[in-house]
Amino acid sequence: MNIRKLTYVLYLLFLFSSALYAQGGGPPPPGLPDDDPVLPIDSHSSTLLAAGLILGFAVVLTRRKI
């Protein structure tokens, strides 16, 4: 087995094992409250959009000068 095939096999094994590890557990035990996760991106989406626009303009301006 050459190095390229060995690299592919190890890469696939790593992806498969990480996918198995990422599987979630079962539901919480009965009696515990099911709280919704707090997602702060919902409250600051306009800030994220503005930051993206500023970054985009900066990249366009720096590439235009070259």
C-alpha atoms as a PDB file:
ATOM      1  CA  MET A   1       0.000   0.000   0.000  1.00  0.00           C
ATOM      2  CA  ASN A   2       1.539   3.271  -1.028  1.00  0.00           C
ATOM      3  CA  ILE A   3       1.550   6.472   1.021  1.00  0.00           C
ATOM      4  CA  ARG A   4      -1.347   8.116  -0.852  1.00  0.00           C
ATOM      5  CA  LYS A   5      -3.711   5.172  -0.243  1.00  0.00           C
ATOM      6  CA  LEU A   6      -2.648   4.978   3.392  1.00  0.00           C
ATOM      7  CA  THR A   7      -3.326   8.698   3.802  1.00  0.00           C
ATOM      8  CA  TYR A   8      -6.808   8.299   2.308  1.00  0.00           C
ATOM      9  CA  VAL A   9      -7.606   5.364   4.566  1.00  0.00           C
ATOM     10  CA  LEU A  10      -6.452   7.209   7.686  1.00  0.00           C
ATOM     11  CA  TYR A  11      -8.395  10.311   6.647  1.00  0.00           C
ATOM     12  CA  LEU A  12     -11.591   8.311   6.149  1.00  0.00           C
ATOM     13  CA  LEU A  13     -11.144   6.510   9.460  1.00  0.00           C
ATOM     14  CA  PHE A  14     -10.677   9.830  11.231  1.00  0.00           C
ATOM     15  CA  LEU A  15     -13.821  11.289   9.631  1.00  0.00           C
ATOM     16  CA  PHE A  16     -15.846   8.193  10.464  1.00  0.00           C
ATOM     17  CA  SER A  17     -14.684   8.102  14.069  1.00  0.00           C
ATOM     18  CA  SER A  18     -15.326  11.813  14.582  1.00  0.00           C
ATOM     19  CA  ALA A  19     -18.833  11.427  13.132  1.00  0.00           C
ATOM     20  CA  LEU A  20     -19.549   8.610  15.579  1.00  0.00           C
ATOM     21  CA  TYR A  21     -18.190  10.647  18.478  1.00  0.00           C
ATOM     22  CA  ALA A  22     -20.355  13.626  17.523  1.00  0.00           C
ATOM     23  CA  GLN A  23     -23.574  11.639  17.805  1.00  0.00           C
ATOM     24  CA  GLY A  24     -25.694  13.071  20.586  1.00  0.00           C
ATOM     25  CA  GLY A  25     -26.834  11.157  23.609  1.00  0.00           C
ATOM     26  CA  GLY A  26     -30.380  10.229  24.386  1.00  0.00           C
ATOM     27  CA  PRO A  27     -33.060  12.559  25.667  1.00  0.00           C
ATOM     28  CA  PRO A  28     -32.724  13.995  29.176  1.00  0.00           C
ATOM     29  CA  PRO A  29     -34.130  11.945  32.044  1.00  0.00           C
ATOM     30  CA  PRO A  30     -37.754  12.599  32.959  1.00  0.00           C
ATOM     31  CA  GLY A  31     -38.380  15.347  35.471  1.00  0.00           C
ATOM     32  CA  LEU A  32     -35.693  17.721  34.205  1.00  0.00           C
ATOM     33  CA  PRO A  33     -36.859  20.858  32.400  1.00  0.00           C
ATOM     34  CA  ASP A  34     -36.201  21.058  28.688  1.00  0.00           C
ATOM     35  CA  ASP A  35     -34.789  24.570  28.400  1.00  0.00           C
ATOM     36  CA  ASP A  36     -34.298  26.062  24.969  1.00  0.00           C
ATOM     37  CA  PRO A  37     -30.658  26.827  24.198  1.00  0.00           C
ATOM     38  CA  VAL A  38     -29.629  30.456  24.372  1.00  0.00           C
ATOM     39  CA  LEU A  39     -28.604  31.660  20.918  1.00  0.00           C
ATOM     40  CA  PRO A  40     -27.072  35.136  21.207  1.00  0.00           C
ATOM     41  CA  ILE A  41     -26.675  35.489  17.430  1.00  0.00           C
ATOM     42  CA  ASP A  42     -30.403  36.259  17.186  1.00  0.00           C
ATOM     43  CA  SER A  43     -30.081  39.393  19.274  1.00  0.00           C
ATOM     44  CA  HIS A  44     -26.973  40.722  17.499  1.00  0.00           C
ATOM     45  CA  SER A  45     -27.668  39.808  13.886  1.00  0.00           C
ATOM     46  CA  SER A  46     -27.655  43.453  12.742  1.00  0.00           C
ATOM     47  CA  THR A  47     -24.199  43.930  14.294  1.00  0.00           C
ATOM     48  CA  LEU A  48     -22.955  40.803  12.534  1.00  0.00           C
ATOM     49  CA  LEU A  49     -24.363  42.038   9.215  1.00  0.00           C
ATOM     50  CA  ALA A  50     -22.736  45.464   9.637  1.00  0.00           C
ATOM     51  CA  ALA A  51     -19.379  43.875  10.500  1.00  0.00           C
ATOM     52  CA  GLY A  52     -19.612  41.691   7.394  1.00  0.00           C
ATOM     53  CA  LEU A  53     -20.361  44.691   5.177  1.00  0.00           C
ATOM     54  CA  ILE A  54     -17.437  46.665   6.631  1.00  0.00           C
ATOM     55  CA  LEU A  55     -15.084  43.724   6.141  1.00  0.00           C
ATOM     56  CA  GLY A  56     -16.321  43.246   2.581  1.00  0.00           C
ATOM     57  CA  PHE A  57     -15.756  46.900   1.709  1.00  0.00           C
ATOM     58  CA  ALA A  58     -12.283  46.775   3.249  1.00  0.00           C
ATOM     59  CA  VAL A  59     -11.325  43.728   1.192  1.00  0.00           C
ATOM     60  CA  VAL A  60     -12.671  45.265  -2.014  1.00  0.00           C
ATOM     61  CA  LEU A  61     -10.815  48.534  -1.420  1.00  0.00           C
ATOM     62  CA  THR A  62      -7.487  46.843  -0.636  1.00  0.00           C
ATOM     63  CA  ARG A  63      -7.688  44.604  -3.689  1.00  0.00           C
ATOM     64  CA  ARG A  64      -8.639  47.530  -5.910  1.00  0.00           C
ATOM     65  CA  LYS A  65      -5.457  49.455  -5.002  1.00  0.00           C
ATOM     66  CA  ILE A  66      -3.183  46.650  -6.213  1.00  0.00           C
END
